[in-house]
Protein backbone atom coordinates (compact mmCIF):
# COMPACT_ATOMS: atom_id res chain seq x y z
CA MET A 1 118.48 111.58 67.88
CA GLN A 2 115.06 112.85 66.94
CA GLU A 3 112.83 113.88 69.83
CA PHE A 4 109.30 112.52 69.95
CA ILE A 5 106.48 113.89 72.09
CA GLY A 6 102.96 112.83 72.97
CA ASP A 7 101.40 110.02 70.94
CA ASP A 8 104.42 110.02 68.61
CA ALA A 9 106.66 109.16 71.57
CA ILE A 10 104.37 106.33 72.68
CA SER A 11 104.25 104.97 69.13
CA PHE A 12 108.04 105.20 68.86
CA LEU A 13 108.52 103.28 72.11
CA ASP A 14 105.92 100.70 71.09
CA ASN A 15 107.47 100.24 67.64
CA ASN A 16 110.93 99.71 69.12
CA LEU A 17 110.13 96.81 71.36
CA ASN A 18 112.74 94.12 71.15
CA ASN A 19 111.24 91.02 72.71
CA VAL A 20 113.50 88.07 73.37
CA TYR A 21 111.98 84.67 73.99
CA GLN A 22 113.63 81.60 75.42
CA GLY A 23 112.74 78.77 73.09
CA MET A 24 113.39 75.12 73.75
CA ASP A 25 116.36 75.26 71.36
CA LYS A 26 118.06 78.13 73.18
CA SER A 27 120.38 77.64 76.12
CA ASP A 28 120.11 79.83 79.19
CA GLU A 29 123.46 81.37 78.28
CA GLN A 30 122.23 82.25 74.76
CA PHE A 31 119.02 83.69 76.16
CA ARG A 32 120.91 85.85 78.68
CA ALA A 33 123.25 87.14 75.95
CA GLU A 34 120.28 88.06 73.72
CA LYS A 35 118.49 89.75 76.64
CA LYS A 36 121.61 91.80 77.38
CA ILE A 37 121.90 92.94 73.75
CA ALA A 38 118.19 93.82 73.59
CA THR A 39 118.33 95.67 76.92
CA ILE A 40 121.36 97.73 75.88
CA LYS A 41 119.65 98.57 72.58
CA LEU A 42 116.58 99.83 74.45
CA LEU A 43 118.72 101.76 76.92
CA LYS A 44 120.32 103.57 73.99
CA LEU A 45 116.85 104.55 72.78
CA TYR A 46 115.37 105.38 76.16
CA LEU A 47 118.22 107.15 77.97
CA PRO A 48 118.09 110.34 75.89
CA ASN A 49 114.41 110.61 76.87
CA LYS A 50 114.78 109.64 80.51
CA SER A 51 113.39 112.89 81.94
CA ASN A 52 110.31 112.63 79.69
CA ILE A 53 109.84 108.99 80.65
CA ASP A 54 110.07 109.93 84.34
CA LYS A 55 107.44 112.67 83.81
CA PHE A 56 105.20 110.24 81.94
CA ALA A 57 105.56 107.66 84.73
CA HIS A 58 104.77 110.23 87.42
CA ILE A 59 101.71 111.59 85.59
CA ALA A 60 100.40 108.07 84.91
CA TYR A 61 100.96 107.14 88.57
CA ASN A 62 99.10 110.23 89.80
CA SER A 63 96.20 109.48 87.47
CA VAL A 64 95.91 105.95 88.85
CA GLU A 65 96.12 107.32 92.40
CA VAL A 66 93.09 109.52 91.63
CA LEU A 67 91.27 106.43 90.38
CA LYS A 68 92.22 104.50 93.52
CA ARG A 69 90.98 107.35 95.71
CA LEU A 70 87.65 107.28 93.87
CA ILE A 71 87.39 103.50 94.08
CA PHE A 72 88.33 103.15 97.73
CA LYS A 73 86.29 106.13 98.96
CA THR A 74 83.04 105.44 97.15
CA ASN A 75 80.10 103.24 98.10
CA LEU A 76 79.63 101.66 94.68
CA GLU A 77 79.25 97.91 94.34
CA VAL A 78 82.44 95.95 93.61
CA GLU A 79 81.33 95.11 90.05
CA GLU A 80 80.65 98.81 89.38
CA LEU A 81 84.13 99.60 90.73
CA ASN A 82 85.65 97.01 88.40
CA ASP A 83 83.71 98.54 85.50
CA LEU A 84 85.04 101.99 86.42
CA LYS A 85 88.59 100.67 86.72
CA ASN A 86 88.34 98.80 83.41
CA LEU A 87 86.97 101.89 81.67
CA PHE A 88 89.92 103.90 82.95
CA PHE A 89 92.49 101.38 81.70
CA ILE A 90 90.71 100.97 78.36
CA ASN A 91 90.90 104.75 78.03
CA ILE A 92 94.66 104.63 78.71
CA GLY A 93 94.86 102.22 75.81
CA PHE A 94 96.47 98.92 75.06
CA ILE A 95 99.56 100.49 73.49
CA ASN A 96 100.15 102.88 76.40
CA MET A 97 99.82 100.02 78.89
CA GLY A 98 102.25 98.01 76.77
CA VAL A 99 104.76 100.87 76.92
CA ILE A 100 104.25 101.18 80.69
CA GLU A 101 104.93 97.45 81.06
CA ARG A 102 107.99 97.65 78.78
CA ILE A 103 109.59 100.53 80.68
CA ALA A 104 109.06 98.66 83.95
CA GLU A 105 110.49 95.51 82.38
CA LEU A 106 113.49 97.46 81.06
CA SER A 107 114.31 98.52 84.60
CA SER A 108 114.25 94.91 85.80
CA ASP A 109 116.18 93.66 82.76
CA GLU A 110 118.84 96.32 83.26
CA LEU A 111 119.41 95.15 86.82
CA GLU A 112 119.55 91.50 85.78
CA TYR A 113 121.44 91.52 82.48
CA VAL A 114 123.59 94.66 82.21
CA GLU A 115 126.94 94.62 83.93
CA PRO A 116 129.17 97.58 84.89
CA GLN A 117 131.51 96.92 81.95
CA ASP A 118 128.55 97.20 79.56
CA TYR A 119 128.06 100.83 80.59
CA ILE A 120 131.69 101.57 79.71
CA ASP A 121 131.53 99.59 76.45
CA ASN A 122 128.44 101.50 75.32
CA ASN A 123 129.61 104.95 76.40
CA PHE A 124 126.97 105.26 79.08
CA SER A 125 128.11 107.35 81.99
CA VAL A 126 128.21 105.74 85.40
CA ASN A 127 125.41 108.13 86.36
CA GLN A 128 123.23 106.50 83.71
CA SER A 129 123.21 103.10 85.37
CA HIS A 130 119.85 101.94 86.69
CA GLN A 131 118.18 105.11 85.45
CA PHE A 132 114.74 103.61 85.08
CA ASN A 133 114.34 102.51 88.69
CA ARG A 134 112.53 105.79 89.46
CA ALA A 135 110.11 105.31 86.58
CA ASN A 136 109.64 101.69 87.64
CA ILE A 137 108.70 102.80 91.16
CA PHE A 138 105.77 104.68 89.61
CA LEU A 139 104.91 102.18 86.88
CA LYS A 140 104.93 98.90 88.78
CA PRO A 141 101.91 99.85 90.98
CA ILE A 142 100.01 100.89 87.83
CA ILE A 143 100.57 97.46 86.30
CA GLU A 144 99.61 95.69 89.53
CA PHE A 145 96.42 97.74 89.90
CA SER A 146 95.54 97.25 86.24
CA ASN A 147 95.78 93.47 86.71
CA LEU A 148 93.86 93.47 90.00
CA ARG A 149 90.32 92.13 89.91
CA LEU A 150 88.40 93.48 92.88
CA THR A 151 86.07 91.01 94.61
CA GLU A 152 83.88 91.11 97.69
CA LYS A 153 86.61 89.06 99.42
CA ASN A 154 89.64 91.20 98.57
CA PHE A 155 88.12 94.69 98.48
CA GLU A 156 88.59 95.51 102.17
CA GLU A 157 92.14 94.13 102.16
CA GLU A 158 93.04 96.21 99.06
CA LYS A 159 91.44 99.26 100.64
CA LYS A 160 93.53 98.75 103.80
CA LYS A 161 96.71 98.42 101.69
CA TRP A 162 95.85 101.63 99.86
CA ASN A 163 95.12 103.46 103.11
CA SER A 164 98.36 102.29 104.68
CA SER A 165 100.34 103.35 101.61
CA LYS A 166 98.88 106.83 102.07
CA GLY A 167 99.58 106.91 105.80
CA ASN A 168 95.80 107.10 106.34
CA ILE A 169 95.79 110.55 104.73
CA GLY A 170 92.91 111.52 102.50
C-alpha cells in the first residue's frame, strides 16, 4: 500500500469516506450489514497507517489544549473568545475536521459493527482490534470543543471542567 503524508494523507482519508445512510427502504439488518462492510473497508485502509493517525490525533489534541489554555486563562469577552476559537477551527480546515470526525466515528463503528470473527475473516491480527480507541480518546474532545458555543452562562462551567481535567495544573 502506498504511504501518504501531510496534506496528501488527509486528502486520501477524505476521498475514501464510505458513508452509509439508513433510508426508509432499508431494514435495520441491512443497514448494520452495510455499516460492517464499510467499517471493515476503512479499517483495511487505516490500519497500515495507525501510528501516523495516532500521532496526528495527539498533535491535534495538543493544539486544541493550547487553544483551551488561552481561552480559559484570558480576560477577553466571550464573543471574542468564540471568534478566536472559530478562527482556529477555520484554520484547521473543513476537510481536516471531517477526517478527525471520521476517525472518531470509525472507532465507534468498529466497536458496534465489527465482531471477533470479522478480524479473522479479514486477516487482521487480534492485536489490531479496537486500534482506533486511542486516537478517539484524543479526537472526541476536539470535536466536542469545536461544536461548543461559549456563552456568558456556560463559560464558567466549561472553565471549571477544563480546570478539573487538568487537575488544576497550569
